[in-house]
């Protein structure tokens, strides 16, 4: 297990301590573990038989999420389908889905650690792929704005200013 998924575990523990079900956090943790594997090693269809069985189990858990988690259920279902159908590990192909998840988390009062993790993780991953042919500055711009808003929500003004400046650099197009 990598430390980069720690916010999901922390949130699951907090939810359990308050007697709340942690289904969306558990699925988020599993999805990000799958996402990290996909980014590190390539397409999901290349996974082992055991991994494919895990993916099917995850799909079943997503399908059984309560109606109160319908939006999360939709986002995770879309992400799982996108990962399964991807021809390569291009994060720009799945970034809009992850942005939707970040937007959803930003509206939740109890998941600030997850919001920070999801938005920062996406910015970091997209930056790593900046020099690729699939680079989409609009997606990275939106990601920076989302990350800056999350920083503002937690009162980190310096971080928000830096992230807004990064977004601004993407928005300014040089004259031809």
C-alpha atoms as a PDB file:
ATOM      1  CA  UNK A   1       0.000   0.000   0.000  1.00  0.00           C
ATOM      2  CA  UNK A   2       1.321   3.420  -0.851  1.00  0.00           C
ATOM      3  CA  UNK A   3       1.218   6.404   1.463  1.00  0.00           C
ATOM      4  CA  UNK A   4      -0.365   8.445  -1.310  1.00  0.00           C
ATOM      5  CA  UNK A   5      -3.741   6.820  -0.546  1.00  0.00           C
ATOM      6  CA  UNK A   6      -3.600   7.575   3.179  1.00  0.00           C
ATOM      7  CA  UNK A   7      -6.369  10.263   3.139  1.00  0.00           C
ATOM      8  CA  UNK A   8      -8.916   7.627   2.137  1.00  0.00           C
ATOM      9  CA  UNK A   9      -7.912   5.410   5.058  1.00  0.00           C
ATOM     10  CA  UNK A  10      -8.019   8.342   7.478  1.00  0.00           C
ATOM     11  CA  UNK A  11     -11.485   9.327   6.284  1.00  0.00           C
ATOM     12  CA  UNK A  12     -12.726   5.736   6.555  1.00  0.00           C
ATOM     13  CA  UNK A  13     -11.504   5.622  10.160  1.00  0.00           C
ATOM     14  CA  UNK A  14     -13.183   8.970  10.947  1.00  0.00           C
ATOM     15  CA  UNK A  15     -16.458   7.772   9.420  1.00  0.00           C
ATOM     16  CA  UNK A  16     -16.279   4.508  11.368  1.00  0.00           C
ATOM     17  CA  UNK A  17     -15.581   6.388  14.623  1.00  0.00           C
ATOM     18  CA  UNK A  18     -18.762   8.427  14.029  1.00  0.00           C
ATOM     19  CA  UNK A  19     -20.769   5.281  13.244  1.00  0.00           C
ATOM     20  CA  UNK A  20     -21.210   6.200   9.586  1.00  0.00           C
ATOM     21  CA  UNK A  21     -20.866   3.744   6.722  1.00  0.00           C
ATOM     22  CA  UNK A  22     -17.684   4.294   4.755  1.00  0.00           C
ATOM     23  CA  UNK A  23     -18.760   2.731   1.470  1.00  0.00           C
ATOM     24  CA  UNK A  24     -17.843   5.689  -0.742  1.00  0.00           C
ATOM     25  CA  UNK A  25     -14.507   6.099   1.037  1.00  0.00           C
ATOM     26  CA  UNK A  26     -13.731   2.397   0.691  1.00  0.00           C
ATOM     27  CA  UNK A  27     -14.619   2.455  -2.996  1.00  0.00           C
ATOM     28  CA  UNK A  28     -12.616   5.680  -3.438  1.00  0.00           C
ATOM     29  CA  UNK A  29      -9.627   4.027  -1.809  1.00  0.00           C
ATOM     30  CA  UNK A  30      -9.958   0.961  -4.048  1.00  0.00           C
ATOM     31  CA  UNK A  31     -10.463   3.143  -7.144  1.00  0.00           C
ATOM     32  CA  UNK A  32      -7.355   5.184  -6.411  1.00  0.00           C
ATOM     33  CA  UNK A  33      -5.319   2.046  -5.825  1.00  0.00           C
ATOM     34  CA  UNK A  34      -6.518   0.837  -9.238  1.00  0.00           C
ATOM     35  CA  UNK A  35      -5.839   4.256 -10.757  1.00  0.00           C
ATOM     36  CA  UNK A  36      -2.292   4.292  -9.362  1.00  0.00           C
ATOM     37  CA  UNK A  37      -1.661   0.822 -10.787  1.00  0.00           C
ATOM     38  CA  UNK A  38      -3.073   1.938 -14.138  1.00  0.00           C
ATOM     39  CA  UNK A  39      -0.861   5.027 -14.212  1.00  0.00           C
ATOM     40  CA  UNK A  40       2.197   3.042 -13.134  1.00  0.00           C
ATOM     41  CA  UNK A  41       1.818   0.022 -15.375  1.00  0.00           C
ATOM     42  CA  UNK A  42      -0.616   0.662 -18.190  1.00  0.00           C
ATOM     43  CA  UNK A  43      -4.048  -0.474 -19.219  1.00  0.00           C
ATOM     44  CA  UNK A  44      -6.420  -2.330 -16.912  1.00  0.00           C
ATOM     45  CA  UNK A  45      -7.069  -5.113 -19.410  1.00  0.00           C
ATOM     46  CA  UNK A  46      -3.470  -6.201 -18.954  1.00  0.00           C
ATOM     47  CA  UNK A  47      -4.093  -6.927 -15.265  1.00  0.00           C
ATOM     48  CA  UNK A  48      -3.940 -10.477 -13.961  1.00  0.00           C
ATOM     49  CA  UNK A  49      -6.976 -12.732 -13.556  1.00  0.00           C
ATOM     50  CA  UNK A  50      -6.976 -11.963  -9.811  1.00  0.00           C
ATOM     51  CA  UNK A  51      -7.025  -8.247 -10.543  1.00  0.00           C
ATOM     52  CA  UNK A  52      -9.864  -8.706 -13.030  1.00  0.00           C
ATOM     53  CA  UNK A  53     -11.854 -10.524 -10.331  1.00  0.00           C
ATOM     54  CA  UNK A  54     -11.162  -7.629  -7.961  1.00  0.00           C
ATOM     55  CA  UNK A  55     -12.388  -5.192 -10.604  1.00  0.00           C
ATOM     56  CA  UNK A  56     -15.632  -7.158 -10.966  1.00  0.00           C
ATOM     57  CA  UNK A  57     -16.059  -7.171  -7.176  1.00  0.00           C
ATOM     58  CA  UNK A  58     -15.477  -3.434  -7.120  1.00  0.00           C
ATOM     59  CA  UNK A  59     -18.051  -2.951  -9.880  1.00  0.00           C
ATOM     60  CA  UNK A  60     -20.556  -4.960  -7.795  1.00  0.00           C
ATOM     61  CA  UNK A  61     -19.854  -2.862  -4.665  1.00  0.00           C
ATOM     62  CA  UNK A  62     -20.284   0.325  -6.704  1.00  0.00           C
ATOM     63  CA  UNK A  63     -23.618  -0.954  -8.027  1.00  0.00           C
ATOM     64  CA  UNK A  64     -24.806  -1.657  -4.479  1.00  0.00           C
ATOM     65  CA  UNK A  65     -23.947   1.783  -3.086  1.00  0.00           C
ATOM     66  CA  UNK A  66     -26.986   3.437  -1.444  1.00  0.00           C
ATOM     67  CA  UNK A  67     -29.144   5.963  -3.259  1.00  0.00           C
ATOM     68  CA  UNK A  68     -27.716   8.666  -0.985  1.00  0.00           C
ATOM     69  CA  UNK A  69     -24.396   8.043  -2.761  1.00  0.00           C
ATOM     70  CA  UNK A  70     -25.883   8.011  -6.285  1.00  0.00           C
ATOM     71  CA  UNK A  71     -23.557  10.722  -7.664  1.00  0.00           C
ATOM     72  CA  UNK A  72     -20.470   9.006  -6.237  1.00  0.00           C
ATOM     73  CA  UNK A  73     -21.751   5.694  -7.613  1.00  0.00           C
ATOM     74  CA  UNK A  74     -22.086   7.245 -11.084  1.00  0.00           C
ATOM     75  CA  UNK A  75     -18.638   8.849 -10.986  1.00  0.00           C
ATOM     76  CA  UNK A  76     -16.902   5.659  -9.822  1.00  0.00           C
ATOM     77  CA  UNK A  77     -18.790   3.582 -12.386  1.00  0.00           C
ATOM     78  CA  UNK A  78     -17.717   5.972 -15.160  1.00  0.00           C
ATOM     79  CA  UNK A  79     -14.129   5.925 -13.925  1.00  0.00           C
ATOM     80  CA  UNK A  80     -14.001   2.145 -13.789  1.00  0.00           C
ATOM     81  CA  UNK A  81     -15.435   1.878 -17.314  1.00  0.00           C
ATOM     82  CA  UNK A  82     -12.977   4.497 -18.604  1.00  0.00           C
ATOM     83  CA  UNK A  83     -10.039   2.633 -17.053  1.00  0.00           C
ATOM     84  CA  UNK A  84     -11.206  -0.667 -18.512  1.00  0.00           C
ATOM     85  CA  UNK A  85     -11.686   0.805 -21.991  1.00  0.00           C
ATOM     86  CA  UNK A  86      -8.536   2.932 -22.131  1.00  0.00           C
ATOM     87  CA  UNK A  87      -5.978   2.069 -24.780  1.00  0.00           C
ATOM     88  CA  UNK A  88      -3.126   3.534 -22.744  1.00  0.00           C
ATOM     89  CA  UNK A  89      -2.572   5.165 -19.368  1.00  0.00           C
ATOM     90  CA  UNK A  90      -3.353   8.710 -20.495  1.00  0.00           C
ATOM     91  CA  UNK A  91      -4.608  10.684 -17.482  1.00  0.00           C
ATOM     92  CA  UNK A  92      -6.235  13.318 -19.701  1.00  0.00           C
ATOM     93  CA  UNK A  93      -8.724  10.653 -20.805  1.00  0.00           C
ATOM     94  CA  UNK A  94     -10.019  10.219 -17.259  1.00  0.00           C
ATOM     95  CA  UNK A  95      -9.322  13.700 -15.847  1.00  0.00           C
ATOM     96  CA  UNK A  96     -12.869  15.047 -16.432  1.00  0.00           C
ATOM     97  CA  UNK A  97     -14.252  12.202 -14.310  1.00  0.00           C
ATOM     98  CA  UNK A  98     -11.729  12.904 -11.550  1.00  0.00           C
ATOM     99  CA  UNK A  99     -12.585  16.614 -11.729  1.00  0.00           C
ATOM    100  CA  UNK A 100     -16.247  15.681 -11.177  1.00  0.00           C
ATOM    101  CA  UNK A 101     -15.225  13.664  -8.132  1.00  0.00           C
ATOM    102  CA  UNK A 102     -13.192  16.590  -6.804  1.00  0.00           C
ATOM    103  CA  UNK A 103     -16.164  18.933  -7.339  1.00  0.00           C
ATOM    104  CA  UNK A 104     -18.421  16.526  -5.467  1.00  0.00           C
ATOM    105  CA  UNK A 105     -15.969  16.221  -2.572  1.00  0.00           C
ATOM    106  CA  UNK A 106     -15.552  19.994  -2.363  1.00  0.00           C
ATOM    107  CA  UNK A 107     -19.268  20.253  -1.584  1.00  0.00           C
ATOM    108  CA  UNK A 108     -18.981  17.772   1.293  1.00  0.00           C
ATOM    109  CA  UNK A 109     -18.223  19.280   4.685  1.00  0.00           C
ATOM    110  CA  UNK A 110     -16.690  16.106   6.152  1.00  0.00           C
ATOM    111  CA  UNK A 111     -14.169  15.192   3.470  1.00  0.00           C
ATOM    112  CA  UNK A 112     -11.679  18.053   3.294  1.00  0.00           C
ATOM    113  CA  UNK A 113      -8.677  15.690   3.479  1.00  0.00           C
ATOM    114  CA  UNK A 114     -10.033  13.721   0.546  1.00  0.00           C
ATOM    115  CA  UNK A 115     -10.763  16.883  -1.419  1.00  0.00           C
ATOM    116  CA  UNK A 116      -7.185  18.038  -0.967  1.00  0.00           C
ATOM    117  CA  UNK A 117      -5.785  14.634  -1.922  1.00  0.00           C
ATOM    118  CA  UNK A 118      -7.972  14.171  -5.007  1.00  0.00           C
ATOM    119  CA  UNK A 119      -7.352  17.672  -6.370  1.00  0.00           C
ATOM    120  CA  UNK A 120      -3.599  17.689  -5.663  1.00  0.00           C
ATOM    121  CA  UNK A 121      -3.140  14.147  -6.981  1.00  0.00           C
ATOM    122  CA  UNK A 122      -4.794  15.114 -10.255  1.00  0.00           C
ATOM    123  CA  UNK A 123      -2.674  18.287 -10.631  1.00  0.00           C
ATOM    124  CA  UNK A 124       0.497  16.304  -9.959  1.00  0.00           C
ATOM    125  CA  UNK A 125      -0.388  13.543 -12.425  1.00  0.00           C
ATOM    126  CA  UNK A 126      -1.416  15.972 -15.172  1.00  0.00           C
ATOM    127  CA  UNK A 127       1.791  17.957 -14.722  1.00  0.00           C
ATOM    128  CA  UNK A 128       3.804  14.751 -15.256  1.00  0.00           C
ATOM    129  CA  UNK A 129       2.073  14.297 -18.621  1.00  0.00           C
ATOM    130  CA  UNK A 130       2.393  17.939 -19.677  1.00  0.00           C
ATOM    131  CA  UNK A 131       4.898  17.211 -22.456  1.00  0.00           C
ATOM    132  CA  UNK A 132       2.847  14.401 -24.016  1.00  0.00           C
ATOM    133  CA  UNK A 133       0.861  14.650 -27.204  1.00  0.00           C
ATOM    134  CA  UNK A 134      -2.398  14.216 -25.286  1.00  0.00           C
ATOM    135  CA  UNK A 135      -1.775  17.288 -23.090  1.00  0.00           C
ATOM    136  CA  UNK A 136      -4.914  19.394 -22.669  1.00  0.00           C
ATOM    137  CA  UNK A 137      -4.204  22.792 -21.053  1.00  0.00           C
ATOM    138  CA  UNK A 138      -7.916  23.360 -20.378  1.00  0.00           C
ATOM    139  CA  UNK A 139      -8.117  20.273 -18.185  1.00  0.00           C
ATOM    140  CA  UNK A 140      -4.954  21.199 -16.303  1.00  0.00           C
ATOM    141  CA  UNK A 141      -6.280  24.773 -15.898  1.00  0.00           C
ATOM    142  CA  UNK A 142      -9.541  23.469 -14.408  1.00  0.00           C
ATOM    143  CA  UNK A 143      -7.540  21.143 -12.157  1.00  0.00           C
ATOM    144  CA  UNK A 144      -5.412  24.026 -10.846  1.00  0.00           C
ATOM    145  CA  UNK A 145      -8.525  26.104 -10.151  1.00  0.00           C
ATOM    146  CA  UNK A 146     -10.142  23.225  -8.288  1.00  0.00           C
ATOM    147  CA  UNK A 147      -6.978  22.691  -6.269  1.00  0.00           C
ATOM    148  CA  UNK A 148      -6.745  26.436  -5.493  1.00  0.00           C
ATOM    149  CA  UNK A 149     -10.366  26.506  -4.336  1.00  0.00           C
ATOM    150  CA  UNK A 150      -9.681  23.536  -2.042  1.00  0.00           C
ATOM    151  CA  UNK A 151      -6.688  25.428  -0.613  1.00  0.00           C
ATOM    152  CA  UNK A 152      -8.913  28.461   0.030  1.00  0.00           C
ATOM    153  CA  UNK A 153     -11.499  26.250   1.740  1.00  0.00           C
ATOM    154  CA  UNK A 154      -8.877  25.063   4.207  1.00  0.00           C
ATOM    155  CA  UNK A 155      -7.535  28.616   4.706  1.00  0.00           C
ATOM    156  CA  UNK A 156      -4.204  28.142   2.920  1.00  0.00           C
ATOM    157  CA  UNK A 157      -4.043  31.517   1.152  1.00  0.00           C
ATOM    158  CA  UNK A 158      -0.404  31.211  -0.001  1.00  0.00           C
ATOM    159  CA  UNK A 159      -1.035  27.844  -1.627  1.00  0.00           C
ATOM    160  CA  UNK A 160      -4.207  29.151  -3.275  1.00  0.00           C
ATOM    161  CA  UNK A 161      -2.341  32.165  -4.685  1.00  0.00           C
ATOM    162  CA  UNK A 162       0.368  29.901  -6.108  1.00  0.00           C
ATOM    163  CA  UNK A 163      -2.187  27.567  -7.694  1.00  0.00           C
ATOM    164  CA  UNK A 164      -4.186  30.457  -9.153  1.00  0.00           C
ATOM    165  CA  UNK A 165      -0.941  31.799 -10.656  1.00  0.00           C
ATOM    166  CA  UNK A 166      -0.277  28.380 -12.222  1.00  0.00           C
ATOM    167  CA  UNK A 167      -3.776  28.395 -13.714  1.00  0.00           C
ATOM    168  CA  UNK A 168      -3.246  31.942 -14.936  1.00  0.00           C
ATOM    169  CA  UNK A 169      -0.080  30.905 -16.787  1.00  0.00           C
ATOM    170  CA  UNK A 170      -2.121  28.322 -18.678  1.00  0.00           C
ATOM    171  CA  UNK A 171      -4.874  30.818 -19.462  1.00  0.00           C
ATOM    172  CA  UNK A 172      -2.516  33.382 -20.983  1.00  0.00           C
ATOM    173  CA  UNK A 173      -1.822  32.512 -24.587  1.00  0.00           C
ATOM    174  CA  UNK A 174       1.165  34.073 -26.333  1.00  0.00           C
ATOM    175  CA  UNK A 175       0.383  36.233 -29.384  1.00  0.00           C
ATOM    176  CA  UNK A 176       1.302  34.644 -32.727  1.00  0.00           C
END
